């Protein structure tokens, strides 16, 4: 199974869904990974660091969406008729999406689009607020993302 990381396009978003170190750990579990070129630049992580960890670098988001079984994003895919943005325009059906997504709040159109694409969705904020780490105990996901982006 291939996990893909597209670049975040939400205005002002500087986070990326994984680091080279985390990607290396995920790949040790048997997954392959790809990343849209430049996806980590806003977080000061170069494509070279991802490549050194074994992550395949792809030229654009469309390639990531097409070639991946699982998509990891920080924010939910953007779907805004007013802004003319549809990150799911090139998304084939049957994908798995993992991101911070709040389906009950203002995302009815997005959830309908994901359902029409037969997408399995895992929302970080809805599954649990903690992830067990053998090395560090319990990690609060939202807090970690806040610290990475400078909000906390």
Protein backbone atom coordinates (compact mmCIF):
# COMPACT_ATOMS: atom_id res chain seq x y z
CA UNK A 1 0.00 0.00 0.00
CA UNK A 2 1.22 3.45 -0.87
CA UNK A 3 0.66 6.48 1.34
CA UNK A 4 0.73 9.86 -0.40
CA UNK A 5 1.29 13.33 1.02
CA UNK A 6 0.07 16.23 -1.15
CA UNK A 7 1.11 19.82 -0.45
CA UNK A 8 -1.27 21.71 1.84
CA UNK A 9 -2.98 24.50 -0.12
CA UNK A 10 -4.99 26.20 2.62
CA UNK A 11 -3.82 29.86 2.81
CA UNK A 12 -1.16 30.27 5.49
CA UNK A 13 -0.87 26.54 6.24
CA UNK A 14 2.78 25.67 6.90
CA UNK A 15 2.44 22.14 8.25
CA UNK A 16 3.01 18.88 6.38
CA UNK A 17 1.35 15.55 7.21
CA UNK A 18 4.59 13.73 8.05
CA UNK A 19 8.30 14.22 8.59
CA UNK A 20 11.10 12.24 6.96
CA UNK A 21 11.71 10.45 10.28
CA UNK A 22 8.05 9.46 10.65
CA UNK A 23 7.92 8.40 6.99
CA UNK A 24 10.92 6.11 7.52
CA UNK A 25 9.17 4.50 10.50
CA UNK A 26 5.96 4.02 8.49
CA UNK A 27 7.88 2.43 5.62
CA UNK A 28 9.48 -0.03 8.07
CA UNK A 29 5.92 -1.29 8.62
CA UNK A 30 5.74 -2.26 4.94
CA UNK A 31 4.13 0.80 3.36
CA UNK A 32 5.64 2.79 0.51
CA UNK A 33 5.33 6.57 0.53
CA UNK A 34 5.24 9.42 -1.94
CA UNK A 35 5.16 13.17 -1.49
CA UNK A 36 4.29 16.08 -3.74
CA UNK A 37 7.44 18.03 -4.53
CA UNK A 38 7.73 20.99 -2.17
CA UNK A 39 5.13 19.72 0.30
CA UNK A 40 7.52 20.13 3.22
CA UNK A 41 9.12 23.44 2.23
CA UNK A 42 6.81 25.62 4.35
CA UNK A 43 7.82 23.49 7.34
CA UNK A 44 11.51 23.85 6.36
CA UNK A 45 11.79 20.22 5.23
CA UNK A 46 13.37 19.75 1.81
CA UNK A 47 12.52 17.12 -0.78
CA UNK A 48 16.10 15.86 -0.37
CA UNK A 49 15.45 14.93 3.27
CA UNK A 50 12.35 12.98 2.28
CA UNK A 51 14.24 11.25 -0.54
CA UNK A 52 17.05 10.31 1.86
CA UNK A 53 14.39 8.64 4.04
CA UNK A 54 13.16 6.63 1.03
CA UNK A 55 10.09 8.70 0.09
CA UNK A 56 9.32 8.98 -3.64
CA UNK A 57 8.95 12.61 -4.76
CA UNK A 58 6.20 13.24 -7.33
CA UNK A 59 5.81 16.40 -9.44
CA UNK A 60 2.27 17.41 -8.50
CA UNK A 61 -0.76 16.74 -6.32
CA UNK A 62 -2.60 14.95 -9.13
CA UNK A 63 0.18 12.34 -9.30
CA UNK A 64 0.05 11.83 -5.52
CA UNK A 65 -3.75 11.38 -5.53
CA UNK A 66 -3.62 9.02 -8.52
CA UNK A 67 -0.76 6.82 -7.31
CA UNK A 68 -1.64 6.50 -3.60
CA UNK A 69 -4.01 4.14 -1.80
CA UNK A 70 -4.00 6.31 1.34
CA UNK A 71 -3.77 10.10 1.40
CA UNK A 72 -2.48 11.86 4.52
CA UNK A 73 -3.14 15.58 4.89
CA UNK A 74 -3.10 18.03 7.77
CA UNK A 75 -6.29 19.83 6.72
CA UNK A 76 -9.29 18.37 4.99
CA UNK A 77 -9.25 18.62 1.19
CA UNK A 78 -10.46 22.02 0.08
CA UNK A 79 -13.80 22.09 -1.69
CA UNK A 80 -15.03 25.63 -2.25
CA UNK A 81 -17.32 26.58 -5.09
CA UNK A 82 -16.86 30.26 -4.22
CA UNK A 83 -13.07 30.04 -4.49
CA UNK A 84 -13.10 27.62 -7.41
CA UNK A 85 -11.01 25.07 -5.48
CA UNK A 86 -11.64 21.33 -5.58
CA UNK A 87 -8.71 19.26 -4.31
CA UNK A 88 -10.72 16.12 -5.03
CA UNK A 89 -11.18 16.88 -8.75
CA UNK A 90 -8.55 14.30 -9.70
CA UNK A 91 -9.22 11.85 -6.87
CA UNK A 92 -10.14 8.35 -8.05
CA UNK A 93 -12.80 6.51 -6.06
CA UNK A 94 -11.96 4.10 -3.28
CA UNK A 95 -9.17 6.04 -1.58
CA UNK A 96 -8.54 6.35 2.14
CA UNK A 97 -8.10 9.86 3.56
CA UNK A 98 -6.48 10.61 6.91
CA UNK A 99 -6.61 14.25 8.06
CA UNK A 100 -8.01 16.68 10.57
CA UNK A 101 -11.57 16.73 9.28
CA UNK A 102 -14.64 17.83 11.17
CA UNK A 103 -17.54 16.41 9.16
CA UNK A 104 -20.26 17.59 11.49
CA UNK A 105 -19.23 21.23 11.31
CA UNK A 106 -19.46 23.08 7.91
CA UNK A 107 -18.24 20.21 5.74
CA UNK A 108 -21.48 18.78 4.38
CA UNK A 109 -20.53 19.36 0.71
CA UNK A 110 -17.07 17.89 1.27
CA UNK A 111 -18.46 14.82 3.04
CA UNK A 112 -21.00 14.30 0.23
CA UNK A 113 -18.19 14.49 -2.35
CA UNK A 114 -16.04 12.04 -0.35
CA UNK A 115 -19.01 9.68 -0.04
CA UNK A 116 -19.65 9.85 -3.79
CA UNK A 117 -16.01 8.86 -4.33
CA UNK A 118 -16.41 5.95 -1.89
CA UNK A 119 -13.62 7.39 0.24
CA UNK A 120 -12.88 5.96 3.68
CA UNK A 121 -12.19 8.90 5.99
CA UNK A 122 -10.29 8.89 9.28
CA UNK A 123 -10.39 12.22 11.12
CA UNK A 124 -7.48 12.71 13.51
CA UNK A 125 -9.59 14.83 15.81
CA UNK A 126 -12.51 12.39 15.86
CA UNK A 127 -10.72 9.07 16.34
CA UNK A 128 -8.85 10.06 19.48
CA UNK A 129 -6.93 12.98 20.87
CA UNK A 130 -3.99 10.76 21.74
CA UNK A 131 -1.81 8.25 19.95
CA UNK A 132 0.27 5.75 21.88
CA UNK A 133 3.97 5.91 21.19
CA UNK A 134 6.18 3.12 22.49
CA UNK A 135 9.04 5.57 22.91
CA UNK A 136 7.28 8.65 24.29
CA UNK A 137 4.05 7.41 25.85
CA UNK A 138 0.97 9.39 24.84
CA UNK A 139 1.10 12.10 22.16
CA UNK A 140 -1.63 14.71 21.80
CA UNK A 141 -1.99 15.05 18.03
CA UNK A 142 -3.47 18.51 17.88
CA UNK A 143 -0.94 19.86 20.38
CA UNK A 144 1.94 18.45 18.35
CA UNK A 145 0.66 20.03 15.15
CA UNK A 146 0.17 23.33 17.01
CA UNK A 147 3.76 23.27 18.24
CA UNK A 148 5.07 22.46 14.74
CA UNK A 149 3.21 25.40 13.25
CA UNK A 150 4.08 27.84 16.06
CA UNK A 151 0.54 28.24 17.40
CA UNK A 152 1.39 26.96 20.91
